[in-house]
């Protein structure tokens, strides 16, 4: 889903990814229950993003082949484990093997790689538009 027609969609949700990255850093520095609520709100945004992407891509391709894409599988796994960690296992007394789920939220930062590529493509589009306006 990295083509030009998804650039605005990726950029919009990329802003949330950047904000979430900042809040992950802040929540590490400042321990407070407030950050759990902020993280939960970001998870809701990312879940909506994922569901919208699946809906539109399956509608476009008329198949579930979207799950062949590595980024889609990555998003699914990260969101699934985040939902389990934040919304299902909320008591804080996790077995040690499940406490590793909390580390998976840091994997969302890997999405920044895709975001950087998207912003670079968007910058090239804007540059081309500006050049064409001058002529």
C-alpha atoms as a PDB file:
ATOM      1  CA  UNK A   1       0.000   0.000   0.000  1.00  0.00           C
ATOM      2  CA  UNK A   2       2.906   2.301  -0.600  1.00  0.00           C
ATOM      3  CA  UNK A   3       1.788   3.891  -3.863  1.00  0.00           C
ATOM      4  CA  UNK A   4       1.054   7.545  -4.498  1.00  0.00           C
ATOM      5  CA  UNK A   5      -2.705   7.346  -4.009  1.00  0.00           C
ATOM      6  CA  UNK A   6      -2.098   6.293  -0.386  1.00  0.00           C
ATOM      7  CA  UNK A   7       0.334   9.167   0.315  1.00  0.00           C
ATOM      8  CA  UNK A   8      -2.251  11.445   1.969  1.00  0.00           C
ATOM      9  CA  UNK A   9      -3.674   8.558   4.018  1.00  0.00           C
ATOM     10  CA  UNK A  10      -0.200   7.474   5.146  1.00  0.00           C
ATOM     11  CA  UNK A  11       0.797  11.065   5.922  1.00  0.00           C
ATOM     12  CA  UNK A  12      -2.331  11.685   8.012  1.00  0.00           C
ATOM     13  CA  UNK A  13      -1.839   8.579  10.132  1.00  0.00           C
ATOM     14  CA  UNK A  14       1.918   9.135  10.091  1.00  0.00           C
ATOM     15  CA  UNK A  15       1.363  12.249  12.176  1.00  0.00           C
ATOM     16  CA  UNK A  16      -0.251  10.029  14.820  1.00  0.00           C
ATOM     17  CA  UNK A  17       2.707   7.656  14.607  1.00  0.00           C
ATOM     18  CA  UNK A  18       5.156  10.493  15.231  1.00  0.00           C
ATOM     19  CA  UNK A  19       3.059  11.781  18.144  1.00  0.00           C
ATOM     20  CA  UNK A  20       2.845   8.259  19.557  1.00  0.00           C
ATOM     21  CA  UNK A  21       6.614   7.890  19.303  1.00  0.00           C
ATOM     22  CA  UNK A  22       7.006  11.073  21.335  1.00  0.00           C
ATOM     23  CA  UNK A  23       4.518   9.918  23.962  1.00  0.00           C
ATOM     24  CA  UNK A  24       6.268   6.543  24.267  1.00  0.00           C
ATOM     25  CA  UNK A  25       9.438   8.446  25.144  1.00  0.00           C
ATOM     26  CA  UNK A  26       7.607  10.697  27.579  1.00  0.00           C
ATOM     27  CA  UNK A  27       5.831   7.784  29.250  1.00  0.00           C
ATOM     28  CA  UNK A  28       9.186   6.109  29.828  1.00  0.00           C
ATOM     29  CA  UNK A  29      10.506   9.230  31.528  1.00  0.00           C
ATOM     30  CA  UNK A  30       7.359  10.209  33.441  1.00  0.00           C
ATOM     31  CA  UNK A  31       5.572   7.213  34.960  1.00  0.00           C
ATOM     32  CA  UNK A  32       1.865   8.002  35.269  1.00  0.00           C
ATOM     33  CA  UNK A  33      -1.491   6.318  34.562  1.00  0.00           C
ATOM     34  CA  UNK A  34      -2.239   9.172  32.165  1.00  0.00           C
ATOM     35  CA  UNK A  35       0.121   7.656  29.596  1.00  0.00           C
ATOM     36  CA  UNK A  36      -1.793   4.362  29.576  1.00  0.00           C
ATOM     37  CA  UNK A  37      -4.887   6.287  28.495  1.00  0.00           C
ATOM     38  CA  UNK A  38      -2.916   8.168  25.846  1.00  0.00           C
ATOM     39  CA  UNK A  39      -1.457   4.888  24.550  1.00  0.00           C
ATOM     40  CA  UNK A  40      -4.947   3.382  24.469  1.00  0.00           C
ATOM     41  CA  UNK A  41      -6.197   6.319  22.376  1.00  0.00           C
ATOM     42  CA  UNK A  42      -3.310   5.857  19.938  1.00  0.00           C
ATOM     43  CA  UNK A  43      -4.070   2.138  19.734  1.00  0.00           C
ATOM     44  CA  UNK A  44      -7.669   2.977  18.803  1.00  0.00           C
ATOM     45  CA  UNK A  45      -6.398   5.298  16.043  1.00  0.00           C
ATOM     46  CA  UNK A  46      -4.024   2.642  14.691  1.00  0.00           C
ATOM     47  CA  UNK A  47      -6.749  -0.002  14.817  1.00  0.00           C
ATOM     48  CA  UNK A  48      -9.068   2.285  12.830  1.00  0.00           C
ATOM     49  CA  UNK A  49      -6.251   2.972  10.345  1.00  0.00           C
ATOM     50  CA  UNK A  50      -5.634  -0.751   9.886  1.00  0.00           C
ATOM     51  CA  UNK A  51      -9.334  -1.581   9.462  1.00  0.00           C
ATOM     52  CA  UNK A  52      -9.787   1.249   6.950  1.00  0.00           C
ATOM     53  CA  UNK A  53      -6.744   0.086   4.993  1.00  0.00           C
ATOM     54  CA  UNK A  54      -8.002  -3.526   4.932  1.00  0.00           C
ATOM     55  CA  UNK A  55     -11.495  -2.394   3.908  1.00  0.00           C
ATOM     56  CA  UNK A  56     -10.333  -0.208   1.033  1.00  0.00           C
ATOM     57  CA  UNK A  57      -7.628  -2.559  -0.213  1.00  0.00           C
ATOM     58  CA  UNK A  58      -9.908  -5.621  -0.188  1.00  0.00           C
ATOM     59  CA  UNK A  59     -12.622  -3.593  -1.868  1.00  0.00           C
ATOM     60  CA  UNK A  60     -10.138  -2.502  -4.518  1.00  0.00           C
ATOM     61  CA  UNK A  61      -8.632  -5.953  -5.113  1.00  0.00           C
ATOM     62  CA  UNK A  62     -11.759  -8.040  -4.326  1.00  0.00           C
ATOM     63  CA  UNK A  63      -9.639 -10.403  -2.221  1.00  0.00           C
ATOM     64  CA  UNK A  64      -7.837 -10.737   1.087  1.00  0.00           C
ATOM     65  CA  UNK A  65      -4.514 -10.774  -0.761  1.00  0.00           C
ATOM     66  CA  UNK A  66      -3.647  -7.581   1.141  1.00  0.00           C
ATOM     67  CA  UNK A  67      -2.339  -9.840   3.895  1.00  0.00           C
ATOM     68  CA  UNK A  68       0.494 -10.906   1.592  1.00  0.00           C
ATOM     69  CA  UNK A  69       2.011  -7.437   2.002  1.00  0.00           C
ATOM     70  CA  UNK A  70       4.720  -7.491   4.674  1.00  0.00           C
ATOM     71  CA  UNK A  71       3.699  -4.143   6.179  1.00  0.00           C
ATOM     72  CA  UNK A  72       0.084  -5.279   6.515  1.00  0.00           C
ATOM     73  CA  UNK A  73       1.157  -8.449   8.325  1.00  0.00           C
ATOM     74  CA  UNK A  74       3.493  -6.377  10.493  1.00  0.00           C
ATOM     75  CA  UNK A  75       0.701  -3.915  11.372  1.00  0.00           C
ATOM     76  CA  UNK A  76      -1.681  -6.776  12.127  1.00  0.00           C
ATOM     77  CA  UNK A  77       0.764  -8.481  14.506  1.00  0.00           C
ATOM     78  CA  UNK A  78       1.709  -5.271  16.318  1.00  0.00           C
ATOM     79  CA  UNK A  79      -1.923  -4.191  16.685  1.00  0.00           C
ATOM     80  CA  UNK A  80      -3.057  -7.661  17.770  1.00  0.00           C
ATOM     81  CA  UNK A  81      -0.428  -7.882  20.506  1.00  0.00           C
ATOM     82  CA  UNK A  82      -1.072  -4.281  21.543  1.00  0.00           C
ATOM     83  CA  UNK A  83      -4.798  -5.003  21.925  1.00  0.00           C
ATOM     84  CA  UNK A  84      -3.999  -8.079  24.017  1.00  0.00           C
ATOM     85  CA  UNK A  85      -1.556  -6.108  26.156  1.00  0.00           C
ATOM     86  CA  UNK A  86      -3.585  -2.930  26.653  1.00  0.00           C
ATOM     87  CA  UNK A  87      -7.225  -3.934  26.446  1.00  0.00           C
ATOM     88  CA  UNK A  88      -7.391  -7.620  27.425  1.00  0.00           C
ATOM     89  CA  UNK A  89      -4.600  -8.213  29.952  1.00  0.00           C
ATOM     90  CA  UNK A  90      -5.068  -4.978  31.871  1.00  0.00           C
ATOM     91  CA  UNK A  91      -4.421  -6.114  35.454  1.00  0.00           C
ATOM     92  CA  UNK A  92      -0.678  -5.463  35.303  1.00  0.00           C
ATOM     93  CA  UNK A  93       0.178  -8.889  36.747  1.00  0.00           C
ATOM     94  CA  UNK A  94       1.285 -10.491  33.526  1.00  0.00           C
ATOM     95  CA  UNK A  95       3.127 -13.790  33.392  1.00  0.00           C
ATOM     96  CA  UNK A  96       6.752 -13.133  32.436  1.00  0.00           C
ATOM     97  CA  UNK A  97       6.403 -14.449  28.881  1.00  0.00           C
ATOM     98  CA  UNK A  98       3.414 -12.175  28.304  1.00  0.00           C
ATOM     99  CA  UNK A  99       5.139  -9.125  29.746  1.00  0.00           C
ATOM    100  CA  UNK A 100       7.294  -9.208  26.614  1.00  0.00           C
ATOM    101  CA  UNK A 101       4.173  -8.015  24.782  1.00  0.00           C
ATOM    102  CA  UNK A 102       4.846  -4.572  26.200  1.00  0.00           C
ATOM    103  CA  UNK A 103       8.076  -4.445  24.240  1.00  0.00           C
ATOM    104  CA  UNK A 104       6.139  -4.997  21.036  1.00  0.00           C
ATOM    105  CA  UNK A 105       4.682  -1.511  21.221  1.00  0.00           C
ATOM    106  CA  UNK A 106       8.168  -0.289  20.376  1.00  0.00           C
ATOM    107  CA  UNK A 107       7.860  -2.145  17.082  1.00  0.00           C
ATOM    108  CA  UNK A 108       5.455   0.587  16.009  1.00  0.00           C
ATOM    109  CA  UNK A 109       8.527   2.744  15.727  1.00  0.00           C
ATOM    110  CA  UNK A 110       9.651   0.529  12.859  1.00  0.00           C
ATOM    111  CA  UNK A 111       6.699   1.931  10.911  1.00  0.00           C
ATOM    112  CA  UNK A 112       8.643   5.177  10.827  1.00  0.00           C
ATOM    113  CA  UNK A 113      10.708   3.598   8.050  1.00  0.00           C
ATOM    114  CA  UNK A 114       7.589   3.404   5.896  1.00  0.00           C
ATOM    115  CA  UNK A 115       6.551   6.880   6.981  1.00  0.00           C
ATOM    116  CA  UNK A 116       9.888   8.411   6.010  1.00  0.00           C
ATOM    117  CA  UNK A 117       9.557   6.849   2.561  1.00  0.00           C
ATOM    118  CA  UNK A 118       6.006   8.216   2.249  1.00  0.00           C
ATOM    119  CA  UNK A 119       7.029  11.741   3.257  1.00  0.00           C
ATOM    120  CA  UNK A 120       9.935  11.588   0.777  1.00  0.00           C
ATOM    121  CA  UNK A 121       7.492  10.639  -2.003  1.00  0.00           C
ATOM    122  CA  UNK A 122       5.137  13.424  -0.906  1.00  0.00           C
ATOM    123  CA  UNK A 123       8.026  15.913  -0.929  1.00  0.00           C
ATOM    124  CA  UNK A 124       8.943  14.834  -4.467  1.00  0.00           C
ATOM    125  CA  UNK A 125       5.321  15.284  -5.570  1.00  0.00           C
ATOM    126  CA  UNK A 126       5.190  18.774  -4.066  1.00  0.00           C
ATOM    127  CA  UNK A 127       8.534  19.667  -5.614  1.00  0.00           C
ATOM    128  CA  UNK A 128       7.288  18.534  -9.029  1.00  0.00           C
ATOM    129  CA  UNK A 129       4.105  20.537  -8.570  1.00  0.00           C
ATOM    130  CA  UNK A 130       6.062  23.671  -7.640  1.00  0.00           C
ATOM    131  CA  UNK A 131       8.378  23.260 -10.622  1.00  0.00           C
ATOM    132  CA  UNK A 132       5.424  22.822 -12.973  1.00  0.00           C
ATOM    133  CA  UNK A 133       3.761  25.953 -11.549  1.00  0.00           C
ATOM    134  CA  UNK A 134       6.843  28.022 -12.371  1.00  0.00           C
ATOM    135  CA  UNK A 135       6.775  27.072 -16.053  1.00  0.00           C
END
